[in-house]
Every structure is written in C-alpha cells, then in structure tokens.
Amino acid sequence: MEILRILSEHQEPIGAKRLSELLAERGFLLTDRAVQYYLQYLDEQGFTHKIGNKGRILTDEGVAEANLALIDDRMGYVISKLEKLAFNVTFNPETATGDIGYNLTVVPYEYVDDVARAFDEVIEGGYTFYKGYCITDQDPRLPEGHAGFMSACSITMDGVLQNHGIAVNVVYGGRFSVIDSKPVGFVDLIGYKGTTVDPLPLFINAGLTSIHQVATTGTGIALANVREVTNKAKSRVEECVEHMVKCGFVRPVGIGNGLFNLRPDPYRLSIVFYSGMNLVANAVEKGYPIYTEIGAGIIPFARFLND
C-alpha cells in the first residue's frame, strides 16, 4: 500500500531505486530487489504499469486501489509530511544561510514567461510567503519539455521556530478575505490534522480564489495558513520574524490571540501567513497547465539569492 501511495503522489514514473529511497524515508527499509518483487506483483494485479526504463506509474485500477486505502490510515498524512520537512530545515535568518523548504511547480516550456509574470504579480502585491522564486530544468522529476518553478514553502517558518526552541503547530489552511488591501478574516478553514489531502490545492482547483483580483485591486480571496505557538513565545517569534523579513520573507498578516475571526485561546498564539501557494493559484486562475508538489524538498537559501 505504501508503494501505491508514493506512486499516487507523483505525476512522473518512479523506478525501484527511487522507490526504495522514498520508502526508507518513511521507515520502510527494503532493498531494490525487494521493491522490484513488489512492483512485479503490482504489475500482475493491474495496479501499476512500467514505462520503459523510467519506472512505474499507477493504472486507473491502481489509483482506485490507493484511494480505497483506510481513511484513518491516510488521515493526517499531509501534516506528517510537512512536519518532517520542517525538521530538515536548517535556515538561519540571522545569517541568511542554510536550507529552506520549497514547493515545485512543473510548467511547460511554452508557458514559462507567462507563469513568471503571474508569480511576479503576486509578489509585487505582497500576498505570498517569500518575495522570490527559482526556475530550473535540472530536476529529475521534471518531464521532458518542462521547467520547474521552486518557491519557498511556508513550512520553512516552522523549521526556523523549532530551531529556536519554539514548538509550533500548523493548524489550518484556508481562504482569507482582503478588502481595500486590509486583511479581514477567514472565509473557510480546513484543519491539517483532519484531512487526507492538502487543503490549499483543494481551494485552488475548485476555483475558490481570486488572487489576480487581490494582487491588482487589493480586494478578493487569498490563501493563508494558521500556525500556533505558546503565548509565552511571542517576543521570540517576533524576533525571528524580523530577521526573516530582512531576508526577503513577507511579514505575517498577524500574530496574536483571537486574530480576525479565529477562536481565542488563552494559552496559544496564532500566526497567520499568506501562503506561497498564492503564486501558483494566480497562474492556475489564468488557465496555465501547471501542477505543484507542495513540500517537494529542501534547498539552500543561496539558490534564491543567486537567481
């Protein structure tokens, strides 16, 4: 089932060696030969199909089987993946060095300039997590004829806080209302621990954002995340934020208790950030044929400075 799950999370074919590495990351230690055995079994069951020497993809039957996995088993998987990524973040905002988490958006070559303009529009408006992105054609996950846009994932903030001794929880992802360039409040929220899929792509793919409108007029619906820390950490969080802002990250929409229309908690502090997925949402709204892997990995922050 774990092999089916991994294949379902990737658009491109994956070979036995790469599957073995991904399984090891999740605590399943199997040799390449053992993975080959299981893949052969999945082929025989009609769940996977071999694409030459590139690896396997799921068949329609395989997709259905993966989707029929126990919901309880899949519940909370998204947040677990993000928490693991946060653990690997080594970025130090005081020195602007180390690794940050990133999202990978796959873009056909003919749309690269268009998507770059869509990303730039959101960055200029300030409705994102970091004021920049990288473009690459060297990532092995990229299909032929495609480029990769690497944008900073907001899970980077979790890693920074954790590295400063501040326990943090990613609680919600949601649609956030902005009127006349002023943050108003959340329209919808989905809890990360109570879902089997990432909430932000759900809102994007359902057409429930208006990022272009927000970026150009200051009024509309953007995407934002809610994090929580102990209220005793407020001054330390604010100190981290100031260093992050100097490195090009966008200041949080708010830090406090009972922010906007969030429920107050006497012991917890909410931190609301605009999501880096607003970049992607703007491109999707414009009709560009792209897809994004959230929390695709970590990358040296220097890459963003050099690009």
C-alpha atoms as a PDB file:
ATOM      1  CA  MET A   1       0.000   0.000   0.000  1.00  0.00           C
ATOM      2  CA  GLU A   2       2.872   2.383   0.762  1.00  0.00           C
ATOM      3  CA  ILE A   3       4.252   1.871  -2.755  1.00  0.00           C
ATOM      4  CA  LEU A   4       0.842   2.681  -4.223  1.00  0.00           C
ATOM      5  CA  ARG A   5       0.650   5.759  -2.013  1.00  0.00           C
ATOM      6  CA  ILE A   6       4.058   7.031  -3.150  1.00  0.00           C
ATOM      7  CA  LEU A   7       3.210   6.468  -6.808  1.00  0.00           C
ATOM      8  CA  SER A   8      -0.107   8.284  -6.323  1.00  0.00           C
ATOM      9  CA  GLU A   9       1.766  11.347  -5.027  1.00  0.00           C
ATOM     10  CA  HIS A  10       3.902  11.698  -8.152  1.00  0.00           C
ATOM     11  CA  GLN A  11       2.930  12.500 -11.709  1.00  0.00           C
ATOM     12  CA  GLU A  12       6.080  11.046 -13.277  1.00  0.00           C
ATOM     13  CA  PRO A  13       7.245   7.379 -13.422  1.00  0.00           C
ATOM     14  CA  ILE A  14       9.350   6.226 -10.457  1.00  0.00           C
ATOM     15  CA  GLY A  15      11.933   3.439 -10.586  1.00  0.00           C
ATOM     16  CA  ALA A  16      12.706   0.790  -7.958  1.00  0.00           C
ATOM     17  CA  LYS A  17      15.818   2.580  -6.669  1.00  0.00           C
ATOM     18  CA  ARG A  18      13.979   5.855  -6.081  1.00  0.00           C
ATOM     19  CA  LEU A  19      11.033   3.998  -4.528  1.00  0.00           C
ATOM     20  CA  SER A  20      13.434   2.251  -2.159  1.00  0.00           C
ATOM     21  CA  GLU A  21      14.802   5.655  -1.079  1.00  0.00           C
ATOM     22  CA  LEU A  22      11.325   7.136  -0.576  1.00  0.00           C
ATOM     23  CA  LEU A  23      10.199   4.078   1.378  1.00  0.00           C
ATOM     24  CA  ALA A  24      13.267   4.350   3.626  1.00  0.00           C
ATOM     25  CA  GLU A  25      12.357   7.974   4.368  1.00  0.00           C
ATOM     26  CA  ARG A  26       9.015   6.678   5.674  1.00  0.00           C
ATOM     27  CA  GLY A  27      10.561   3.937   7.793  1.00  0.00           C
ATOM     28  CA  PHE A  28      10.191   1.033   5.335  1.00  0.00           C
ATOM     29  CA  LEU A  29      13.654  -0.450   4.738  1.00  0.00           C
ATOM     30  CA  LEU A  30      13.550  -2.557   1.570  1.00  0.00           C
ATOM     31  CA  THR A  31      16.275  -3.440  -0.905  1.00  0.00           C
ATOM     32  CA  ASP A  32      15.908  -2.508  -4.567  1.00  0.00           C
ATOM     33  CA  ARG A  33      15.368  -6.196  -5.315  1.00  0.00           C
ATOM     34  CA  ALA A  34      12.561  -6.444  -2.769  1.00  0.00           C
ATOM     35  CA  VAL A  35      10.912  -3.367  -4.253  1.00  0.00           C
ATOM     36  CA  GLN A  36      11.219  -4.942  -7.714  1.00  0.00           C
ATOM     37  CA  TYR A  37       9.412  -8.019  -6.384  1.00  0.00           C
ATOM     38  CA  TYR A  38       6.526  -5.960  -5.047  1.00  0.00           C
ATOM     39  CA  LEU A  39       6.353  -3.949  -8.270  1.00  0.00           C
ATOM     40  CA  GLN A  40       6.117  -7.134 -10.296  1.00  0.00           C
ATOM     41  CA  TYR A  41       3.248  -8.246  -8.068  1.00  0.00           C
ATOM     42  CA  LEU A  42       1.515  -4.879  -8.542  1.00  0.00           C
ATOM     43  CA  ASP A  43       2.006  -5.199 -12.314  1.00  0.00           C
ATOM     44  CA  GLU A  44       0.357  -8.615 -12.240  1.00  0.00           C
ATOM     45  CA  GLN A  45      -2.561  -7.218 -10.251  1.00  0.00           C
ATOM     46  CA  GLY A  46      -3.000  -4.478 -12.841  1.00  0.00           C
ATOM     47  CA  PHE A  47      -2.258  -1.679 -10.377  1.00  0.00           C
ATOM     48  CA  THR A  48       0.979  -0.417 -11.968  1.00  0.00           C
ATOM     49  CA  HIS A  49       2.375  -0.081 -15.481  1.00  0.00           C
ATOM     50  CA  LYS A  50       6.040   0.030 -16.470  1.00  0.00           C
ATOM     51  CA  ILE A  51       7.123   2.948 -18.692  1.00  0.00           C
ATOM     52  CA  GLY A  52      10.291   1.670 -20.356  1.00  0.00           C
ATOM     53  CA  ASN A  53      13.333   2.271 -18.170  1.00  0.00           C
ATOM     54  CA  LYS A  54      11.768   5.308 -16.473  1.00  0.00           C
ATOM     55  CA  GLY A  55       9.842   3.349 -13.846  1.00  0.00           C
ATOM     56  CA  ARG A  56       6.206   2.702 -12.930  1.00  0.00           C
ATOM     57  CA  ILE A  57       3.036   4.724 -12.863  1.00  0.00           C
ATOM     58  CA  LEU A  58      -0.347   3.835 -11.450  1.00  0.00           C
ATOM     59  CA  THR A  59      -3.036   2.443 -13.734  1.00  0.00           C
ATOM     60  CA  ASP A  60      -6.635   3.542 -13.271  1.00  0.00           C
ATOM     61  CA  GLU A  61      -7.126   0.426 -11.137  1.00  0.00           C
ATOM     62  CA  GLY A  62      -4.067   1.365  -9.081  1.00  0.00           C
ATOM     63  CA  VAL A  63      -5.387   4.870  -8.489  1.00  0.00           C
ATOM     64  CA  ALA A  64      -8.708   3.424  -7.328  1.00  0.00           C
ATOM     65  CA  GLU A  65      -6.956   0.957  -5.011  1.00  0.00           C
ATOM     66  CA  ALA A  66      -4.808   3.709  -3.482  1.00  0.00           C
ATOM     67  CA  ASN A  67      -7.890   5.846  -2.922  1.00  0.00           C
ATOM     68  CA  LEU A  68      -9.630   2.952  -1.173  1.00  0.00           C
ATOM     69  CA  ALA A  69      -6.923   2.801   1.488  1.00  0.00           C
ATOM     70  CA  LEU A  70      -8.267   3.142   5.021  1.00  0.00           C
ATOM     71  CA  ILE A  71      -9.181   6.765   5.589  1.00  0.00           C
ATOM     72  CA  ASP A  72      -7.927   6.522   9.169  1.00  0.00           C
ATOM     73  CA  ASP A  73      -4.552   5.400   7.805  1.00  0.00           C
ATOM     74  CA  ARG A  74      -4.387   8.399   5.460  1.00  0.00           C
ATOM     75  CA  MET A  75      -5.707  10.937   7.964  1.00  0.00           C
ATOM     76  CA  GLY A  76      -3.043  13.418   8.982  1.00  0.00           C
ATOM     77  CA  TYR A  77      -0.575  12.251   6.352  1.00  0.00           C
ATOM     78  CA  VAL A  78      -0.253  15.763   4.885  1.00  0.00           C
ATOM     79  CA  ILE A  79       0.760  17.334   8.175  1.00  0.00           C
ATOM     80  CA  SER A  80       3.153  14.466   8.897  1.00  0.00           C
ATOM     81  CA  LYS A  81       4.933  15.120   5.607  1.00  0.00           C
ATOM     82  CA  LEU A  82       5.191  18.849   6.345  1.00  0.00           C
ATOM     83  CA  GLU A  83       6.442  18.250   9.884  1.00  0.00           C
ATOM     84  CA  LYS A  84       9.180  16.015   8.515  1.00  0.00           C
ATOM     85  CA  LEU A  85      10.179  18.724   6.056  1.00  0.00           C
ATOM     86  CA  ALA A  86      10.270  21.321   8.842  1.00  0.00           C
ATOM     87  CA  PHE A  87      12.633  19.085  10.813  1.00  0.00           C
ATOM     88  CA  ASN A  88      15.102  19.183   7.898  1.00  0.00           C
ATOM     89  CA  VAL A  89      15.069  22.989   7.594  1.00  0.00           C
ATOM     90  CA  THR A  90      18.426  24.455   8.649  1.00  0.00           C
ATOM     91  CA  PHE A  91      17.847  28.066   7.593  1.00  0.00           C
ATOM     92  CA  ASN A  92      19.262  30.697   9.938  1.00  0.00           C
ATOM     93  CA  PRO A  93      17.589  34.054   9.248  1.00  0.00           C
ATOM     94  CA  GLU A  94      20.254  35.917  11.186  1.00  0.00           C
ATOM     95  CA  THR A  95      22.926  34.861   8.698  1.00  0.00           C
ATOM     96  CA  ALA A  96      20.648  34.128   5.693  1.00  0.00           C
ATOM     97  CA  THR A  97      22.273  30.708   5.324  1.00  0.00           C
ATOM     98  CA  GLY A  98      21.058  27.124   5.407  1.00  0.00           C
ATOM     99  CA  ASP A  99      18.286  25.144   3.720  1.00  0.00           C
ATOM    100  CA  ILE A 100      14.636  26.102   3.324  1.00  0.00           C
ATOM    101  CA  GLY A 101      11.595  24.072   2.279  1.00  0.00           C
ATOM    102  CA  TYR A 102      10.228  24.611  -1.215  1.00  0.00           C
ATOM    103  CA  ASN A 103       7.299  23.823  -3.485  1.00  0.00           C
ATOM    104  CA  LEU A 104       7.960  22.615  -7.023  1.00  0.00           C
ATOM    105  CA  THR A 105       5.654  23.810  -9.799  1.00  0.00           C
ATOM    106  CA  VAL A 106       6.003  21.983 -13.117  1.00  0.00           C
ATOM    107  CA  VAL A 107       5.494  24.267 -16.119  1.00  0.00           C
ATOM    108  CA  PRO A 108       5.605  23.514 -19.873  1.00  0.00           C
ATOM    109  CA  TYR A 109       8.428  25.472 -21.533  1.00  0.00           C
ATOM    110  CA  GLU A 110       5.999  27.487 -23.665  1.00  0.00           C
ATOM    111  CA  TYR A 111       4.315  28.891 -20.520  1.00  0.00           C
ATOM    112  CA  VAL A 112       7.430  29.764 -18.506  1.00  0.00           C
ATOM    113  CA  ASP A 113       7.292  33.513 -19.229  1.00  0.00           C
ATOM    114  CA  ASP A 114       3.538  33.646 -18.566  1.00  0.00           C
ATOM    115  CA  VAL A 115       3.804  31.813 -15.257  1.00  0.00           C
ATOM    116  CA  ALA A 116       6.744  34.021 -14.214  1.00  0.00           C
ATOM    117  CA  ARG A 117       4.577  37.099 -14.802  1.00  0.00           C
ATOM    118  CA  ALA A 118       1.776  35.536 -12.748  1.00  0.00           C
ATOM    119  CA  PHE A 119       4.193  34.828  -9.884  1.00  0.00           C
ATOM    120  CA  ASP A 120       5.665  38.340 -10.097  1.00  0.00           C
ATOM    121  CA  GLU A 121       2.208  39.904  -9.906  1.00  0.00           C
ATOM    122  CA  VAL A 122       1.538  38.231  -6.556  1.00  0.00           C
ATOM    123  CA  ILE A 123       4.992  39.048  -5.209  1.00  0.00           C
ATOM    124  CA  GLU A 124       4.576  42.725  -6.096  1.00  0.00           C
ATOM    125  CA  GLY A 125       1.281  42.746  -4.193  1.00  0.00           C
ATOM    126  CA  GLY A 126       2.883  41.136  -1.137  1.00  0.00           C
ATOM    127  CA  TYR A 127       0.436  38.228  -0.941  1.00  0.00           C
ATOM    128  CA  THR A 128       2.948  35.420  -0.637  1.00  0.00           C
ATOM    129  CA  PHE A 129       5.426  33.932   1.822  1.00  0.00           C
ATOM    130  CA  TYR A 130       8.716  34.906   0.162  1.00  0.00           C
ATOM    131  CA  LYS A 131       9.487  37.582  -2.423  1.00  0.00           C
ATOM    132  CA  GLY A 132      11.204  35.381  -4.976  1.00  0.00           C
ATOM    133  CA  TYR A 133      11.470  32.018  -6.731  1.00  0.00           C
ATOM    134  CA  CYS A 134      13.924  29.969  -8.809  1.00  0.00           C
ATOM    135  CA  ILE A 135      13.481  28.357 -12.217  1.00  0.00           C
ATOM    136  CA  THR A 136      15.284  25.109 -13.052  1.00  0.00           C
ATOM    137  CA  ASP A 137      15.336  22.492 -15.790  1.00  0.00           C
ATOM    138  CA  GLN A 138      17.701  20.152 -13.929  1.00  0.00           C
ATOM    139  CA  ASP A 139      15.337  18.444 -11.504  1.00  0.00           C
ATOM    140  CA  PRO A 140      14.962  14.716 -12.355  1.00  0.00           C
ATOM    141  CA  ARG A 141      11.244  14.895 -11.527  1.00  0.00           C
ATOM    142  CA  LEU A 142      10.602  17.245 -14.438  1.00  0.00           C
ATOM    143  CA  PRO A 143       9.040  15.671 -17.534  1.00  0.00           C
ATOM    144  CA  GLU A 144      10.656  16.408 -20.876  1.00  0.00           C
ATOM    145  CA  GLY A 145       9.729  19.861 -22.166  1.00  0.00           C
ATOM    146  CA  HIS A 146       9.027  21.292 -18.725  1.00  0.00           C
ATOM    147  CA  ALA A 147      10.719  23.678 -16.302  1.00  0.00           C
ATOM    148  CA  GLY A 148      10.406  23.749 -12.530  1.00  0.00           C
ATOM    149  CA  PHE A 149       9.490  26.838 -10.505  1.00  0.00           C
ATOM    150  CA  MET A 150      10.825  26.470  -6.956  1.00  0.00           C
ATOM    151  CA  SER A 151       9.033  28.726  -4.472  1.00  0.00           C
ATOM    152  CA  ALA A 152       9.618  28.932  -0.722  1.00  0.00           C
ATOM    153  CA  CYS A 153       7.266  26.752   1.319  1.00  0.00           C
ATOM    154  CA  SER A 154       5.889  28.346   4.483  1.00  0.00           C
ATOM    155  CA  ILE A 155       6.899  25.223   6.421  1.00  0.00           C
ATOM    156  CA  THR A 156      10.299  26.958   6.455  1.00  0.00           C
ATOM    157  CA  MET A 157       8.927  29.163   9.233  1.00  0.00           C
ATOM    158  CA  ASP A 158       8.146  26.080  11.324  1.00  0.00           C
ATOM    159  CA  GLY A 159      11.718  24.872  10.939  1.00  0.00           C
ATOM    160  CA  VAL A 160      13.120  28.258  11.929  1.00  0.00           C
ATOM    161  CA  LEU A 161      10.933  28.453  15.033  1.00  0.00           C
ATOM    162  CA  GLN A 162      11.765  24.890  16.043  1.00  0.00           C
ATOM    163  CA  ASN A 163      15.471  25.603  15.638  1.00  0.00           C
ATOM    164  CA  HIS A 164      14.998  28.498  18.057  1.00  0.00           C
ATOM    165  CA  GLY A 165      13.381  26.216  20.630  1.00  0.00           C
ATOM    166  CA  ILE A 166       9.775  27.215  19.863  1.00  0.00           C
ATOM    167  CA  ALA A 167       7.293  24.361  19.414  1.00  0.00           C
ATOM    168  CA  VAL A 168       4.892  25.162  16.568  1.00  0.00           C
ATOM    169  CA  ASN A 169       1.836  23.501  15.037  1.00  0.00           C
ATOM    170  CA  VAL A 170       0.447  24.047  11.544  1.00  0.00           C
ATOM    171  CA  VAL A 171      -3.251  24.119  12.361  1.00  0.00           C
ATOM    172  CA  TYR A 172      -5.284  25.362   9.384  1.00  0.00           C
ATOM    173  CA  GLY A 173      -5.128  26.254   5.736  1.00  0.00           C
ATOM    174  CA  GLY A 174      -7.866  28.477   4.423  1.00  0.00           C
ATOM    175  CA  ARG A 175      -9.352  31.151   2.193  1.00  0.00           C
ATOM    176  CA  PHE A 176      -8.671  34.622   3.516  1.00  0.00           C
ATOM    177  CA  SER A 177     -10.657  37.750   2.685  1.00  0.00           C
ATOM    178  CA  VAL A 178      -8.885  41.018   1.829  1.00  0.00           C
ATOM    179  CA  ILE A 179     -10.773  44.302   1.295  1.00  0.00           C
ATOM    180  CA  ASP A 180      -9.075  47.528   0.207  1.00  0.00           C
ATOM    181  CA  SER A 181      -5.683  45.923   0.910  1.00  0.00           C
ATOM    182  CA  LYS A 182      -6.678  45.263   4.516  1.00  0.00           C
ATOM    183  CA  PRO A 183      -6.861  41.716   5.949  1.00  0.00           C
ATOM    184  CA  VAL A 184     -10.412  40.947   7.064  1.00  0.00           C
ATOM    185  CA  GLY A 185     -10.625  37.299   8.106  1.00  0.00           C
ATOM    186  CA  PHE A 186     -11.044  33.694   7.047  1.00  0.00           C
ATOM    187  CA  VAL A 187     -13.900  32.607   4.815  1.00  0.00           C
ATOM    188  CA  ASP A 188     -13.140  28.879   5.088  1.00  0.00           C
ATOM    189  CA  LEU A 189     -10.715  26.770   7.116  1.00  0.00           C
ATOM    190  CA  ILE A 190      -9.586  23.147   6.840  1.00  0.00           C
ATOM    191  CA  GLY A 191      -7.634  21.544   9.694  1.00  0.00           C
ATOM    192  CA  TYR A 192      -4.428  19.841   8.584  1.00  0.00           C
ATOM    193  CA  LYS A 193      -4.759  17.036  11.117  1.00  0.00           C
ATOM    194  CA  GLY A 194      -8.275  16.192   9.974  1.00  0.00           C
ATOM    195  CA  THR A 195      -7.711  15.814   6.241  1.00  0.00           C
ATOM    196  CA  THR A 196      -6.241  13.268   3.844  1.00  0.00           C
ATOM    197  CA  VAL A 197      -5.262  15.922   1.274  1.00  0.00           C
ATOM    198  CA  ASP A 198      -3.607  19.334   1.412  1.00  0.00           C
ATOM    199  CA  PRO A 199      -6.378  21.946   1.776  1.00  0.00           C
ATOM    200  CA  LEU A 200      -4.818  24.720  -0.328  1.00  0.00           C
ATOM    201  CA  PRO A 201      -4.793  22.860  -3.679  1.00  0.00           C
ATOM    202  CA  LEU A 202      -8.424  21.962  -3.000  1.00  0.00           C
ATOM    203  CA  PHE A 203      -9.351  25.641  -2.887  1.00  0.00           C
ATOM    204  CA  ILE A 204      -7.214  26.408  -5.948  1.00  0.00           C
ATOM    205  CA  ASN A 205      -8.545  23.581  -8.102  1.00  0.00           C
ATOM    206  CA  ALA A 206     -12.125  24.375  -7.096  1.00  0.00           C
ATOM    207  CA  GLY A 207     -11.724  27.940  -8.365  1.00  0.00           C
ATOM    208  CA  LEU A 208     -12.311  29.418  -4.910  1.00  0.00           C
ATOM    209  CA  THR A 209      -9.536  32.022  -5.004  1.00  0.00           C
ATOM    210  CA  SER A 210      -9.269  35.426  -6.653  1.00  0.00           C
ATOM    211  CA  ILE A 211      -5.533  36.088  -6.394  1.00  0.00           C
ATOM    212  CA  HIS A 212      -5.290  38.256  -9.504  1.00  0.00           C
ATOM    213  CA  GLN A 213      -8.031  40.488  -8.138  1.00  0.00           C
ATOM    214  CA  VAL A 214      -6.350  40.726  -4.726  1.00  0.00           C
ATOM    215  CA  ALA A 215      -2.937  41.493  -6.239  1.00  0.00           C
ATOM    216  CA  THR A 216      -4.204  44.162  -8.624  1.00  0.00           C
ATOM    217  CA  THR A 217      -7.090  45.781  -6.717  1.00  0.00           C
ATOM    218  CA  GLY A 218      -6.428  44.894  -3.085  1.00  0.00           C
ATOM    219  CA  THR A 219      -9.781  43.142  -2.721  1.00  0.00           C
ATOM    220  CA  GLY A 220     -10.505  39.440  -3.079  1.00  0.00           C
ATOM    221  CA  ILE A 221      -9.783  35.985  -1.673  1.00  0.00           C
ATOM    222  CA  ALA A 222      -6.229  34.780  -0.996  1.00  0.00           C
ATOM    223  CA  LEU A 223      -4.826  31.686   0.709  1.00  0.00           C
ATOM    224  CA  ALA A 224      -3.342  31.746   4.197  1.00  0.00           C
ATOM    225  CA  ASN A 225      -2.098  29.334   6.864  1.00  0.00           C
ATOM    226  CA  VAL A 226      -2.563  29.412  10.624  1.00  0.00           C
ATOM    227  CA  ARG A 227       0.177  28.287  12.997  1.00  0.00           C
ATOM    228  CA  GLU A 228       0.042  28.138  16.768  1.00  0.00           C
ATOM    229  CA  VAL A 229       2.713  28.510  19.446  1.00  0.00           C
ATOM    230  CA  THR A 230       2.575  29.029  23.189  1.00  0.00           C
ATOM    231  CA  ASN A 231       1.662  32.610  24.063  1.00  0.00           C
ATOM    232  CA  LYS A 232       4.831  32.867  26.149  1.00  0.00           C
ATOM    233  CA  ALA A 233       6.916  32.731  22.965  1.00  0.00           C
ATOM    234  CA  LYS A 234       5.532  35.925  21.403  1.00  0.00           C
ATOM    235  CA  SER A 235       8.655  38.064  21.752  1.00  0.00           C
ATOM    236  CA  ARG A 236      10.895  35.293  20.425  1.00  0.00           C
ATOM    237  CA  VAL A 237       8.563  34.701  17.472  1.00  0.00           C
ATOM    238  CA  GLU A 238       8.553  38.412  16.655  1.00  0.00           C
ATOM    239  CA  GLU A 239      12.355  38.453  16.798  1.00  0.00           C
ATOM    240  CA  CYS A 240      12.549  35.540  14.336  1.00  0.00           C
ATOM    241  CA  VAL A 241      10.038  37.266  12.069  1.00  0.00           C
ATOM    242  CA  GLU A 242      12.096  40.469  11.952  1.00  0.00           C
ATOM    243  CA  HIS A 243      15.162  38.524  10.825  1.00  0.00           C
ATOM    244  CA  MET A 244      13.057  36.648   8.239  1.00  0.00           C
ATOM    245  CA  VAL A 245      11.681  39.904   6.820  1.00  0.00           C
ATOM    246  CA  LYS A 246      15.222  41.218   6.339  1.00  0.00           C
ATOM    247  CA  CYS A 247      15.927  38.102   4.241  1.00  0.00           C
ATOM    248  CA  GLY A 248      13.009  38.793   1.893  1.00  0.00           C
ATOM    249  CA  PHE A 249      10.206  36.880   3.578  1.00  0.00           C
ATOM    250  CA  VAL A 250       6.820  38.578   3.867  1.00  0.00           C
ATOM    251  CA  ARG A 251       5.716  39.716   7.304  1.00  0.00           C
ATOM    252  CA  PRO A 252       2.841  37.654   8.786  1.00  0.00           C
ATOM    253  CA  VAL A 253      -0.665  39.000   8.359  1.00  0.00           C
ATOM    254  CA  GLY A 254      -0.937  38.901  12.119  1.00  0.00           C
ATOM    255  CA  ILE A 255       0.462  37.473  15.359  1.00  0.00           C
ATOM    256  CA  GLY A 256      -1.786  37.343  18.401  1.00  0.00           C
ATOM    257  CA  ASN A 257      -4.668  35.767  20.268  1.00  0.00           C
ATOM    258  CA  GLY A 258      -8.132  35.716  18.698  1.00  0.00           C
ATOM    259  CA  LEU A 259      -6.863  37.191  15.443  1.00  0.00           C
ATOM    260  CA  PHE A 260      -9.502  38.179  12.887  1.00  0.00           C
ATOM    261  CA  ASN A 261     -12.292  35.603  13.245  1.00  0.00           C
ATOM    262  CA  LEU A 262     -10.159  32.837  14.780  1.00  0.00           C
ATOM    263  CA  ARG A 263     -11.274  31.408  18.099  1.00  0.00           C
ATOM    264  CA  PRO A 264      -9.338  32.923  21.040  1.00  0.00           C
ATOM    265  CA  ASP A 265      -7.186  30.617  23.157  1.00  0.00           C
ATOM    266  CA  PRO A 266      -5.753  31.921  26.460  1.00  0.00           C
ATOM    267  CA  TYR A 267      -2.688  29.711  26.117  1.00  0.00           C
ATOM    268  CA  ARG A 268      -1.964  29.693  22.378  1.00  0.00           C
ATOM    269  CA  LEU A 269      -0.771  32.383  19.990  1.00  0.00           C
ATOM    270  CA  SER A 270      -1.886  32.343  16.348  1.00  0.00           C
ATOM    271  CA  ILE A 271       0.440  33.271  13.486  1.00  0.00           C
ATOM    272  CA  VAL A 272      -1.257  33.930  10.136  1.00  0.00           C
ATOM    273  CA  PHE A 273       0.852  33.909   6.952  1.00  0.00           C
ATOM    274  CA  TYR A 274      -0.121  34.394   3.342  1.00  0.00           C
ATOM    275  CA  SER A 275       0.722  31.147   1.574  1.00  0.00           C
ATOM    276  CA  GLY A 276       3.385  30.740  -1.096  1.00  0.00           C
ATOM    277  CA  MET A 277       0.698  28.800  -2.974  1.00  0.00           C
ATOM    278  CA  ASN A 278      -0.884  32.149  -3.894  1.00  0.00           C
ATOM    279  CA  LEU A 279       1.788  32.307  -6.613  1.00  0.00           C
ATOM    280  CA  VAL A 280       0.520  29.025  -8.028  1.00  0.00           C
ATOM    281  CA  ALA A 281      -3.139  29.968  -7.599  1.00  0.00           C
ATOM    282  CA  ASN A 282      -2.694  33.092  -9.721  1.00  0.00           C
ATOM    283  CA  ALA A 283      -1.163  31.057 -12.554  1.00  0.00           C
ATOM    284  CA  VAL A 284      -3.945  28.462 -12.313  1.00  0.00           C
ATOM    285  CA  GLU A 285      -6.596  31.203 -12.410  1.00  0.00           C
ATOM    286  CA  LYS A 286      -5.070  32.386 -15.680  1.00  0.00           C
ATOM    287  CA  GLY A 287      -5.515  28.919 -17.158  1.00  0.00           C
ATOM    288  CA  TYR A 288      -1.883  27.780 -17.403  1.00  0.00           C
ATOM    289  CA  PRO A 289      -1.458  23.961 -17.420  1.00  0.00           C
ATOM    290  CA  ILE A 290       0.739  23.501 -14.346  1.00  0.00           C
ATOM    291  CA  TYR A 291       0.851  21.265 -11.296  1.00  0.00           C
ATOM    292  CA  THR A 292       2.631  21.673  -7.970  1.00  0.00           C
ATOM    293  CA  GLU A 293       4.195  19.359  -5.414  1.00  0.00           C
ATOM    294  CA  ILE A 294       3.884  21.037  -2.022  1.00  0.00           C
ATOM    295  CA  GLY A 295       6.829  20.416   0.279  1.00  0.00           C
ATOM    296  CA  ALA A 296       8.884  18.981  -2.562  1.00  0.00           C
ATOM    297  CA  GLY A 297      12.105  19.083  -0.529  1.00  0.00           C
ATOM    298  CA  ILE A 298      14.727  21.405   0.880  1.00  0.00           C
ATOM    299  CA  ILE A 299      17.176  23.636  -0.973  1.00  0.00           C
ATOM    300  CA  PRO A 300      19.968  26.057   0.009  1.00  0.00           C
ATOM    301  CA  PHE A 301      18.562  29.544   0.504  1.00  0.00           C
ATOM    302  CA  ALA A 302      21.518  30.815  -1.536  1.00  0.00           C
ATOM    303  CA  ARG A 303      19.811  29.448  -4.657  1.00  0.00           C
ATOM    304  CA  PHE A 304      17.089  32.065  -4.268  1.00  0.00           C
ATOM    305  CA  LEU A 305      19.634  34.831  -3.797  1.00  0.00           C
ATOM    306  CA  ASN A 306      21.630  33.782  -6.866  1.00  0.00           C
ATOM    307  CA  ASP A 307      18.566  33.528  -9.101  1.00  0.00           C
END
